[in-house]
Amino acid sequence: MIVVGLDCATKDAAEKQVTVRAGTAKYFTKRNKGLHGVFTLAGDLKSTVNAALPLVAMYKSFGVKSDGEFKVSGLSPQAAYTPIVQAIKQNNSTYVLNNVDYKANVLLRKEAMVQGATGVKVWDCALQCYDRRTIEEGETAVEGQYVSLFFIPFEEAKQNKSVSNYLKNLESRDQADGFGAQAWTAGLFFRDVVNNVAKADGNNGLTRARFLEEAAKIHEFTADGMLGPTDVGGRKISPCGVILQVKNGKFVRVSPKKKGTFDCDGGLKTVKVRFE
């Protein structure tokens, strides 16, 4: 369940304030001094570009210097990534954040392999890359890829009943991906709110107004333990997350180490963003 981090008081300002999770930036910058690199943006729509800008601003606030920000289409072929990888090599970039889809990440990594861009210490991506096709299509090119999540990974279904239920309700395990997990948690939130309304007002008491009223009362939503505690009613971002890395063709947890847990100490960061 994602809570949008926009500060509504700044929605009409030229620079808007947006709060985002900072755990990944803290993790990477603590272990790799002086990171600098390239950010890719999904350039098909203003909304997809704007969705990534808070993340870019957050990493910059932690000292990750930009060697370039590149817009690409979700339909772009591998050749579109040639100049991006050239920029990575020319600047000896040590950090790359893909803000497009999993396919874009695969093509970027393959092009980097072709050009011999070996100096990157952190290849970063979020839940859109938590997809079996990242590994199946990327093969050895995506080795070492980091993927950040805000829910317990599928590989830990034995440690989490909600993850297990999500996987059981798919026609095939191959259908599981980051966006599907996000939809599942949203469905569980809807379930909880509807049940609360029915308990208070009876089975015929559900209206849009009552739904919104009850939703505002939920402050520690966890999707039956699949998420870290999230104050949905207060419209606050949860700082909790998990970082995985592709190792030998598998998604492997790297932070925190213990299965079935979250790192909630990474905190949040409020950044100023000038949207397009």
C-alpha atoms as a PDB file:
ATOM      1  CA  MET A   1       0.000   0.000   0.000  1.00  0.00           C
ATOM      2  CA  ILE A   2       1.706   3.221  -1.184  1.00  0.00           C
ATOM      3  CA  VAL A   3       0.937   6.548   0.421  1.00  0.00           C
ATOM      4  CA  VAL A   4       1.790   9.509  -1.828  1.00  0.00           C
ATOM      5  CA  GLY A   5       4.331  11.716  -0.114  1.00  0.00           C
ATOM      6  CA  LEU A   6       3.312  15.063  -1.605  1.00  0.00           C
ATOM      7  CA  ASP A   7       2.833  17.819   0.952  1.00  0.00           C
ATOM      8  CA  CYS A   8      -0.586  19.119  -0.088  1.00  0.00           C
ATOM      9  CA  ALA A   9       0.260  22.587   1.211  1.00  0.00           C
ATOM     10  CA  THR A  10       2.820  22.873  -1.609  1.00  0.00           C
ATOM     11  CA  LYS A  11       0.746  21.329  -4.420  1.00  0.00           C
ATOM     12  CA  ASP A  12       0.393  24.649  -6.263  1.00  0.00           C
ATOM     13  CA  ALA A  13       3.935  25.874  -5.587  1.00  0.00           C
ATOM     14  CA  ALA A  14       6.660  25.917  -8.237  1.00  0.00           C
ATOM     15  CA  GLU A  15       8.729  23.681  -5.955  1.00  0.00           C
ATOM     16  CA  LYS A  16       6.728  21.018  -4.192  1.00  0.00           C
ATOM     17  CA  GLN A  17       7.739  19.155  -1.048  1.00  0.00           C
ATOM     18  CA  VAL A  18       7.657  15.378  -1.312  1.00  0.00           C
ATOM     19  CA  THR A  19       8.578  12.817   1.334  1.00  0.00           C
ATOM     20  CA  VAL A  20      10.212   9.560   0.231  1.00  0.00           C
ATOM     21  CA  ARG A  21      11.883   6.570   1.865  1.00  0.00           C
ATOM     22  CA  ALA A  22      15.580   7.137   2.449  1.00  0.00           C
ATOM     23  CA  GLY A  23      16.715   3.667   3.513  1.00  0.00           C
ATOM     24  CA  THR A  24      18.281   2.716   0.176  1.00  0.00           C
ATOM     25  CA  ALA A  25      20.242   5.957  -0.122  1.00  0.00           C
ATOM     26  CA  LYS A  26      21.586   5.541   3.397  1.00  0.00           C
ATOM     27  CA  TYR A  27      22.519   1.923   2.730  1.00  0.00           C
ATOM     28  CA  PHE A  28      24.335   2.595  -0.545  1.00  0.00           C
ATOM     29  CA  THR A  29      26.124   5.812   0.454  1.00  0.00           C
ATOM     30  CA  LYS A  30      27.304   4.337   3.744  1.00  0.00           C
ATOM     31  CA  ARG A  31      28.974   1.454   1.924  1.00  0.00           C
ATOM     32  CA  ASN A  32      30.182   3.351  -1.143  1.00  0.00           C
ATOM     33  CA  LYS A  33      31.782   6.745  -0.643  1.00  0.00           C
ATOM     34  CA  GLY A  34      31.497   9.427  -3.299  1.00  0.00           C
ATOM     35  CA  LEU A  35      28.826   7.815  -5.441  1.00  0.00           C
ATOM     36  CA  HIS A  36      27.986   9.644  -8.669  1.00  0.00           C
ATOM     37  CA  GLY A  37      26.101   8.523 -11.697  1.00  0.00           C
ATOM     38  CA  VAL A  38      23.204   8.387 -14.086  1.00  0.00           C
ATOM     39  CA  PHE A  39      19.442   8.423 -13.628  1.00  0.00           C
ATOM     40  CA  THR A  40      17.013   7.134 -16.256  1.00  0.00           C
ATOM     41  CA  LEU A  41      13.480   8.538 -16.392  1.00  0.00           C
ATOM     42  CA  ALA A  42      10.382   7.082 -18.052  1.00  0.00           C
ATOM     43  CA  GLY A  43       9.867   9.809 -20.622  1.00  0.00           C
ATOM     44  CA  ASP A  44       6.597   8.660 -22.192  1.00  0.00           C
ATOM     45  CA  LEU A  45       4.403  10.838 -19.944  1.00  0.00           C
ATOM     46  CA  LYS A  46       4.908  13.807 -17.654  1.00  0.00           C
ATOM     47  CA  SER A  47       3.393  11.750 -14.851  1.00  0.00           C
ATOM     48  CA  THR A  48       5.986   8.984 -15.216  1.00  0.00           C
ATOM     49  CA  VAL A  49       8.808  11.521 -15.281  1.00  0.00           C
ATOM     50  CA  ASN A  50       7.436  13.331 -12.244  1.00  0.00           C
ATOM     51  CA  ALA A  51       7.026  10.076 -10.325  1.00  0.00           C
ATOM     52  CA  ALA A  52      10.802   9.565 -10.449  1.00  0.00           C
ATOM     53  CA  LEU A  53      11.987  13.113  -9.754  1.00  0.00           C
ATOM     54  CA  PRO A  54      11.544  12.871  -5.946  1.00  0.00           C
ATOM     55  CA  LEU A  55      13.813   9.799  -5.906  1.00  0.00           C
ATOM     56  CA  VAL A  56      16.443  11.603  -7.953  1.00  0.00           C
ATOM     57  CA  ALA A  57      16.282  14.593  -5.611  1.00  0.00           C
ATOM     58  CA  MET A  58      16.509  12.327  -2.569  1.00  0.00           C
ATOM     59  CA  TYR A  59      19.684  10.610  -3.799  1.00  0.00           C
ATOM     60  CA  LYS A  60      21.240  13.975  -4.620  1.00  0.00           C
ATOM     61  CA  SER A  61      20.450  15.144  -1.075  1.00  0.00           C
ATOM     62  CA  PHE A  62      22.624  12.259   0.171  1.00  0.00           C
ATOM     63  CA  GLY A  63      25.533  13.433  -1.965  1.00  0.00           C
ATOM     64  CA  VAL A  64      25.055  11.233  -5.023  1.00  0.00           C
ATOM     65  CA  LYS A  65      26.139  13.580  -7.804  1.00  0.00           C
ATOM     66  CA  SER A  66      24.396  13.391 -11.166  1.00  0.00           C
ATOM     67  CA  ASP A  67      26.399  12.558 -14.278  1.00  0.00           C
ATOM     68  CA  GLY A  68      23.243  12.918 -16.336  1.00  0.00           C
ATOM     69  CA  GLU A  69      19.495  12.321 -16.338  1.00  0.00           C
ATOM     70  CA  PHE A  70      18.110  10.625 -19.441  1.00  0.00           C
ATOM     71  CA  LYS A  71      14.536  10.201 -20.602  1.00  0.00           C
ATOM     72  CA  VAL A  72      13.756   7.001 -22.461  1.00  0.00           C
ATOM     73  CA  SER A  73      10.551   5.443 -23.685  1.00  0.00           C
ATOM     74  CA  GLY A  74       9.263   2.177 -22.340  1.00  0.00           C
ATOM     75  CA  LEU A  75       9.277   1.085 -25.991  1.00  0.00           C
ATOM     76  CA  SER A  76      12.904   2.046 -26.657  1.00  0.00           C
ATOM     77  CA  PRO A  77      15.203  -0.631 -28.153  1.00  0.00           C
ATOM     78  CA  GLN A  78      18.622  -1.414 -26.744  1.00  0.00           C
ATOM     79  CA  ALA A  79      20.240   1.070 -29.139  1.00  0.00           C
ATOM     80  CA  ALA A  80      18.565   3.908 -27.206  1.00  0.00           C
ATOM     81  CA  TYR A  81      20.769   3.043 -24.231  1.00  0.00           C
ATOM     82  CA  THR A  82      24.035   3.421 -26.143  1.00  0.00           C
ATOM     83  CA  PRO A  83      24.485   7.136 -25.306  1.00  0.00           C
ATOM     84  CA  ILE A  84      23.468   6.495 -21.691  1.00  0.00           C
ATOM     85  CA  VAL A  85      26.138   3.847 -21.259  1.00  0.00           C
ATOM     86  CA  GLN A  86      28.630   6.101 -23.052  1.00  0.00           C
ATOM     87  CA  ALA A  87      27.901   8.758 -20.418  1.00  0.00           C
ATOM     88  CA  ILE A  88      28.440   6.173 -17.686  1.00  0.00           C
ATOM     89  CA  LYS A  89      31.845   5.273 -19.141  1.00  0.00           C
ATOM     90  CA  GLN A  90      32.921   8.859 -19.848  1.00  0.00           C
ATOM     91  CA  ASN A  91      32.135   9.927 -16.284  1.00  0.00           C
ATOM     92  CA  ASN A  92      33.368   6.724 -14.641  1.00  0.00           C
ATOM     93  CA  SER A  93      29.949   6.572 -12.986  1.00  0.00           C
ATOM     94  CA  THR A  94      29.645   4.434  -9.881  1.00  0.00           C
ATOM     95  CA  TYR A  95      25.860   4.610  -9.452  1.00  0.00           C
ATOM     96  CA  VAL A  96      22.934   4.043 -11.839  1.00  0.00           C
ATOM     97  CA  LEU A  97      19.238   4.282 -10.954  1.00  0.00           C
ATOM     98  CA  ASN A  98      16.694   2.932 -13.417  1.00  0.00           C
ATOM     99  CA  ASN A  99      13.308   4.620 -13.040  1.00  0.00           C
ATOM    100  CA  VAL A 100      11.735   2.978 -16.086  1.00  0.00           C
ATOM    101  CA  ASP A 101      10.360  -0.588 -16.250  1.00  0.00           C
ATOM    102  CA  TYR A 102      12.110  -3.934 -15.836  1.00  0.00           C
ATOM    103  CA  LYS A 103      12.624  -4.209 -19.611  1.00  0.00           C
ATOM    104  CA  ALA A 104      14.458  -0.906 -19.718  1.00  0.00           C
ATOM    105  CA  ASN A 105      16.699  -2.115 -16.925  1.00  0.00           C
ATOM    106  CA  VAL A 106      17.483  -5.326 -18.803  1.00  0.00           C
ATOM    107  CA  LEU A 107      18.370  -3.406 -21.981  1.00  0.00           C
ATOM    108  CA  LEU A 108      20.494  -0.930 -20.030  1.00  0.00           C
ATOM    109  CA  ARG A 109      22.434  -3.704 -18.320  1.00  0.00           C
ATOM    110  CA  LYS A 110      22.910  -5.604 -21.575  1.00  0.00           C
ATOM    111  CA  GLU A 111      24.208  -2.492 -23.297  1.00  0.00           C
ATOM    112  CA  ALA A 112      26.554  -1.868 -20.377  1.00  0.00           C
ATOM    113  CA  MET A 113      27.919  -5.378 -20.789  1.00  0.00           C
ATOM    114  CA  VAL A 114      28.426  -4.842 -24.529  1.00  0.00           C
ATOM    115  CA  GLN A 115      30.328  -1.607 -23.937  1.00  0.00           C
ATOM    116  CA  GLY A 116      32.291  -2.926 -20.989  1.00  0.00           C
ATOM    117  CA  ALA A 117      30.974  -0.467 -18.410  1.00  0.00           C
ATOM    118  CA  THR A 118      32.402  -2.233 -15.383  1.00  0.00           C
ATOM    119  CA  GLY A 119      32.940   0.618 -12.940  1.00  0.00           C
ATOM    120  CA  VAL A 120      29.400   0.876 -11.563  1.00  0.00           C
ATOM    121  CA  LYS A 121      29.233  -0.163  -7.913  1.00  0.00           C
ATOM    122  CA  VAL A 122      25.468   0.180  -7.492  1.00  0.00           C
ATOM    123  CA  TRP A 123      22.918  -0.713 -10.157  1.00  0.00           C
ATOM    124  CA  ASP A 124      19.705   0.385  -8.484  1.00  0.00           C
ATOM    125  CA  CYS A 125      16.028  -0.239  -9.233  1.00  0.00           C
ATOM    126  CA  ALA A 126      12.756  -0.376  -7.290  1.00  0.00           C
ATOM    127  CA  LEU A 127       9.808  -2.766  -7.278  1.00  0.00           C
ATOM    128  CA  GLN A 128       9.305  -2.619 -11.075  1.00  0.00           C
ATOM    129  CA  CYS A 129      12.448  -4.730 -11.407  1.00  0.00           C
ATOM    130  CA  TYR A 130      11.193  -7.307  -8.914  1.00  0.00           C
ATOM    131  CA  ASP A 131      10.016  -9.471 -11.760  1.00  0.00           C
ATOM    132  CA  ARG A 132      11.164 -12.946 -12.811  1.00  0.00           C
ATOM    133  CA  ARG A 133      11.714 -11.555 -16.324  1.00  0.00           C
ATOM    134  CA  THR A 134      14.502  -9.328 -15.013  1.00  0.00           C
ATOM    135  CA  ILE A 135      16.572 -12.456 -14.416  1.00  0.00           C
ATOM    136  CA  GLU A 136      15.191 -14.596 -17.247  1.00  0.00           C
ATOM    137  CA  GLU A 137      15.766 -11.942 -19.913  1.00  0.00           C
ATOM    138  CA  GLY A 138      18.755 -10.213 -18.343  1.00  0.00           C
ATOM    139  CA  GLU A 139      20.647 -13.426 -17.567  1.00  0.00           C
ATOM    140  CA  THR A 140      24.246 -12.714 -16.539  1.00  0.00           C
ATOM    141  CA  ALA A 141      23.983  -9.039 -17.533  1.00  0.00           C
ATOM    142  CA  VAL A 142      21.841  -8.260 -14.465  1.00  0.00           C
ATOM    143  CA  GLU A 143      24.129  -9.960 -11.947  1.00  0.00           C
ATOM    144  CA  GLY A 144      24.552  -7.700  -8.916  1.00  0.00           C
ATOM    145  CA  GLN A 145      21.378  -5.716  -9.615  1.00  0.00           C
ATOM    146  CA  TYR A 146      19.831  -4.158  -6.498  1.00  0.00           C
ATOM    147  CA  VAL A 147      16.052  -4.074  -6.090  1.00  0.00           C
ATOM    148  CA  SER A 148      14.317  -2.230  -3.253  1.00  0.00           C
ATOM    149  CA  LEU A 149      10.898  -3.264  -1.924  1.00  0.00           C
ATOM    150  CA  PHE A 150       8.447  -2.117   0.738  1.00  0.00           C
ATOM    151  CA  PHE A 151       6.959  -5.599   1.266  1.00  0.00           C
ATOM    152  CA  ILE A 152       8.270  -9.010   2.310  1.00  0.00           C
ATOM    153  CA  PRO A 153       9.801 -10.796  -0.730  1.00  0.00           C
ATOM    154  CA  PHE A 154       8.052 -13.728  -2.398  1.00  0.00           C
ATOM    155  CA  GLU A 155      11.029 -15.934  -1.599  1.00  0.00           C
ATOM    156  CA  GLU A 156      10.029 -15.657   2.068  1.00  0.00           C
ATOM    157  CA  ALA A 157       6.444 -16.895   1.781  1.00  0.00           C
ATOM    158  CA  LYS A 158       7.194 -19.450   4.490  1.00  0.00           C
ATOM    159  CA  GLN A 159       7.913 -16.593   6.880  1.00  0.00           C
ATOM    160  CA  ASN A 160       4.847 -14.537   5.939  1.00  0.00           C
ATOM    161  CA  LYS A 161       1.259 -15.763   5.644  1.00  0.00           C
ATOM    162  CA  SER A 162       0.082 -12.766   3.609  1.00  0.00           C
ATOM    163  CA  VAL A 163       2.789 -13.273   0.972  1.00  0.00           C
ATOM    164  CA  SER A 164       1.902 -16.950   0.891  1.00  0.00           C
ATOM    165  CA  ASN A 165      -1.782 -16.121   0.354  1.00  0.00           C
ATOM    166  CA  TYR A 166      -0.929 -13.739  -2.479  1.00  0.00           C
ATOM    167  CA  LEU A 167       1.071 -16.417  -4.265  1.00  0.00           C
ATOM    168  CA  LYS A 168      -1.611 -19.065  -3.688  1.00  0.00           C
ATOM    169  CA  ASN A 169      -4.241 -16.848  -5.303  1.00  0.00           C
ATOM    170  CA  LEU A 170      -2.326 -16.545  -8.568  1.00  0.00           C
ATOM    171  CA  GLU A 171      -2.974 -18.915 -11.446  1.00  0.00           C
ATOM    172  CA  SER A 172       0.785 -19.312 -11.750  1.00  0.00           C
ATOM    173  CA  ARG A 173       3.749 -18.331  -9.591  1.00  0.00           C
ATOM    174  CA  ASP A 174       5.172 -16.738 -12.741  1.00  0.00           C
ATOM    175  CA  GLN A 175       2.501 -14.021 -12.475  1.00  0.00           C
ATOM    176  CA  ALA A 176       3.961 -12.691  -9.233  1.00  0.00           C
ATOM    177  CA  ASP A 177       5.700  -9.333  -9.508  1.00  0.00           C
ATOM    178  CA  GLY A 178       6.175  -6.120  -7.564  1.00  0.00           C
ATOM    179  CA  PHE A 179       3.125  -4.384  -8.989  1.00  0.00           C
ATOM    180  CA  GLY A 180       0.952  -7.411  -8.286  1.00  0.00           C
ATOM    181  CA  ALA A 181       2.059  -7.414  -4.659  1.00  0.00           C
ATOM    182  CA  GLN A 182       1.240  -3.713  -4.449  1.00  0.00           C
ATOM    183  CA  ALA A 183      -2.271  -4.389  -5.790  1.00  0.00           C
ATOM    184  CA  TRP A 184      -2.718  -7.252  -3.309  1.00  0.00           C
ATOM    185  CA  THR A 185      -1.916  -5.023  -0.336  1.00  0.00           C
ATOM    186  CA  ALA A 186      -4.313  -2.362  -1.652  1.00  0.00           C
ATOM    187  CA  GLY A 187      -7.012  -5.025  -1.854  1.00  0.00           C
ATOM    188  CA  LEU A 188      -6.378  -6.016   1.750  1.00  0.00           C
ATOM    189  CA  PHE A 189      -6.716  -2.387   2.799  1.00  0.00           C
ATOM    190  CA  PHE A 190     -10.064  -2.182   0.988  1.00  0.00           C
ATOM    191  CA  ARG A 191     -11.148  -5.389   2.751  1.00  0.00           C
ATOM    192  CA  ASP A 192     -10.268  -4.034   6.171  1.00  0.00           C
ATOM    193  CA  VAL A 193     -12.082  -0.740   5.651  1.00  0.00           C
ATOM    194  CA  VAL A 194     -15.224  -2.447   4.294  1.00  0.00           C
ATOM    195  CA  ASN A 195     -15.258  -4.869   7.230  1.00  0.00           C
ATOM    196  CA  ASN A 196     -14.954  -1.972   9.676  1.00  0.00           C
ATOM    197  CA  VAL A 197     -17.886  -0.187   8.060  1.00  0.00           C
ATOM    198  CA  ALA A 198     -20.001  -3.349   8.044  1.00  0.00           C
ATOM    199  CA  LYS A 199     -19.209  -3.997  11.706  1.00  0.00           C
ATOM    200  CA  ALA A 200     -20.262  -0.481  12.674  1.00  0.00           C
ATOM    201  CA  ASP A 201     -23.195   0.108  10.315  1.00  0.00           C
ATOM    202  CA  GLY A 202     -24.305  -3.284   9.078  1.00  0.00           C
ATOM    203  CA  ASN A 203     -23.890  -4.970   5.719  1.00  0.00           C
ATOM    204  CA  ASN A 204     -25.805  -2.225   3.908  1.00  0.00           C
ATOM    205  CA  GLY A 205     -23.952   0.664   5.481  1.00  0.00           C
ATOM    206  CA  LEU A 206     -21.173   0.974   2.921  1.00  0.00           C
ATOM    207  CA  THR A 207     -21.049   4.299   1.074  1.00  0.00           C
ATOM    208  CA  ARG A 208     -18.162   6.222  -0.426  1.00  0.00           C
ATOM    209  CA  ALA A 209     -18.328   8.754   2.391  1.00  0.00           C
ATOM    210  CA  ARG A 210     -18.276   6.061   5.089  1.00  0.00           C
ATOM    211  CA  PHE A 211     -15.420   4.264   3.350  1.00  0.00           C
ATOM    212  CA  LEU A 212     -13.281   7.420   3.368  1.00  0.00           C
ATOM    213  CA  GLU A 213     -14.231   8.114   6.976  1.00  0.00           C
ATOM    214  CA  GLU A 214     -13.124   4.663   8.109  1.00  0.00           C
ATOM    215  CA  ALA A 215     -10.011   4.692   5.927  1.00  0.00           C
ATOM    216  CA  ALA A 216      -8.831   7.809   7.740  1.00  0.00           C
ATOM    217  CA  LYS A 217      -8.902   5.881  11.030  1.00  0.00           C
ATOM    218  CA  ILE A 218      -6.358   3.241   9.966  1.00  0.00           C
ATOM    219  CA  HIS A 219      -2.896   4.259  11.157  1.00  0.00           C
ATOM    220  CA  GLU A 220      -0.894   1.015  11.379  1.00  0.00           C
ATOM    221  CA  PHE A 221      -1.848  -0.942   8.283  1.00  0.00           C
ATOM    222  CA  THR A 222       0.410  -3.930   7.580  1.00  0.00           C
ATOM    223  CA  ALA A 223      -1.567  -5.979   5.003  1.00  0.00           C
ATOM    224  CA  ASP A 224      -1.563  -8.890   7.456  1.00  0.00           C
ATOM    225  CA  GLY A 225       2.184  -8.466   7.986  1.00  0.00           C
ATOM    226  CA  MET A 226       3.237  -8.090   4.357  1.00  0.00           C
ATOM    227  CA  LEU A 227       4.106  -4.404   4.910  1.00  0.00           C
ATOM    228  CA  GLY A 228       5.784  -2.437   7.625  1.00  0.00           C
ATOM    229  CA  PRO A 229       3.297  -0.398   9.714  1.00  0.00           C
ATOM    230  CA  THR A 230       1.839   2.286   7.457  1.00  0.00           C
ATOM    231  CA  ASP A 231      -0.200   5.293   8.587  1.00  0.00           C
ATOM    232  CA  VAL A 232      -2.579   5.339   5.626  1.00  0.00           C
ATOM    233  CA  GLY A 233      -5.169   7.383   7.500  1.00  0.00           C
ATOM    234  CA  GLY A 234      -2.575  10.015   8.280  1.00  0.00           C
ATOM    235  CA  ARG A 235      -1.278   9.878   4.706  1.00  0.00           C
ATOM    236  CA  LYS A 236       2.250   9.230   5.929  1.00  0.00           C
ATOM    237  CA  ILE A 237       4.980   7.270   4.178  1.00  0.00           C
ATOM    238  CA  SER A 238       6.300   4.180   5.932  1.00  0.00           C
ATOM    239  CA  PRO A 239      10.105   4.152   6.275  1.00  0.00           C
ATOM    240  CA  CYS A 240      10.189   0.348   6.200  1.00  0.00           C
ATOM    241  CA  GLY A 241      11.833  -1.501   3.348  1.00  0.00           C
ATOM    242  CA  VAL A 242      13.872  -4.451   2.116  1.00  0.00           C
ATOM    243  CA  ILE A 243      16.816  -4.494  -0.299  1.00  0.00           C
ATOM    244  CA  LEU A 244      17.469  -7.487  -2.547  1.00  0.00           C
ATOM    245  CA  GLN A 245      20.307  -8.195  -4.940  1.00  0.00           C
ATOM    246  CA  VAL A 246      20.544 -10.547  -7.908  1.00  0.00           C
ATOM    247  CA  LYS A 247      23.110 -13.182  -7.062  1.00  0.00           C
ATOM    248  CA  ASN A 248      23.709 -16.245  -9.235  1.00  0.00           C
ATOM    249  CA  GLY A 249      20.382 -15.830 -10.967  1.00  0.00           C
ATOM    250  CA  LYS A 250      18.271 -15.339  -7.835  1.00  0.00           C
ATOM    251  CA  PHE A 251      16.874 -12.439  -5.813  1.00  0.00           C
ATOM    252  CA  VAL A 252      18.717 -12.544  -2.491  1.00  0.00           C
ATOM    253  CA  ARG A 253      17.964 -10.439   0.593  1.00  0.00           C
ATOM    254  CA  VAL A 254      20.865  -8.186   1.590  1.00  0.00           C
ATOM    255  CA  SER A 255      19.231  -5.749   4.031  1.00  0.00           C
ATOM    256  CA  PRO A 256      18.126  -6.403   6.638  1.00  0.00           C
ATOM    257  CA  LYS A 257      19.678  -9.847   6.837  1.00  0.00           C
ATOM    258  CA  LYS A 258      16.950 -11.638   8.778  1.00  0.00           C
ATOM    259  CA  LYS A 259      14.170 -13.175   6.686  1.00  0.00           C
ATOM    260  CA  GLY A 260      10.667 -11.852   7.177  1.00  0.00           C
ATOM    261  CA  THR A 261      11.810  -8.503   8.581  1.00  0.00           C
ATOM    262  CA  PHE A 262      12.064  -4.872   7.498  1.00  0.00           C
ATOM    263  CA  ASP A 263      14.600  -2.133   7.989  1.00  0.00           C
ATOM    264  CA  CYS A 264      12.511   0.700   9.404  1.00  0.00           C
ATOM    265  CA  ASP A 265      15.502   2.739  10.614  1.00  0.00           C
ATOM    266  CA  GLY A 266      16.349   4.203   7.218  1.00  0.00           C
ATOM    267  CA  GLY A 267      13.937   7.008   7.849  1.00  0.00           C
ATOM    268  CA  LEU A 268      12.293   9.434   5.478  1.00  0.00           C
ATOM    269  CA  LYS A 269      13.582  12.404   3.543  1.00  0.00           C
ATOM    270  CA  THR A 270      11.580  15.439   2.459  1.00  0.00           C
ATOM    271  CA  VAL A 271      12.900  16.995  -0.736  1.00  0.00           C
ATOM    272  CA  LYS A 272      11.909  19.930  -2.902  1.00  0.00           C
ATOM    273  CA  VAL A 273      10.995  19.010  -6.472  1.00  0.00           C
ATOM    274  CA  ARG A 274      10.201  21.098  -9.528  1.00  0.00           C
ATOM    275  CA  PHE A 275       7.893  18.909 -11.550  1.00  0.00           C
ATOM    276  CA  GLU A 276       7.478  19.172 -15.298  1.00  0.00           C
END
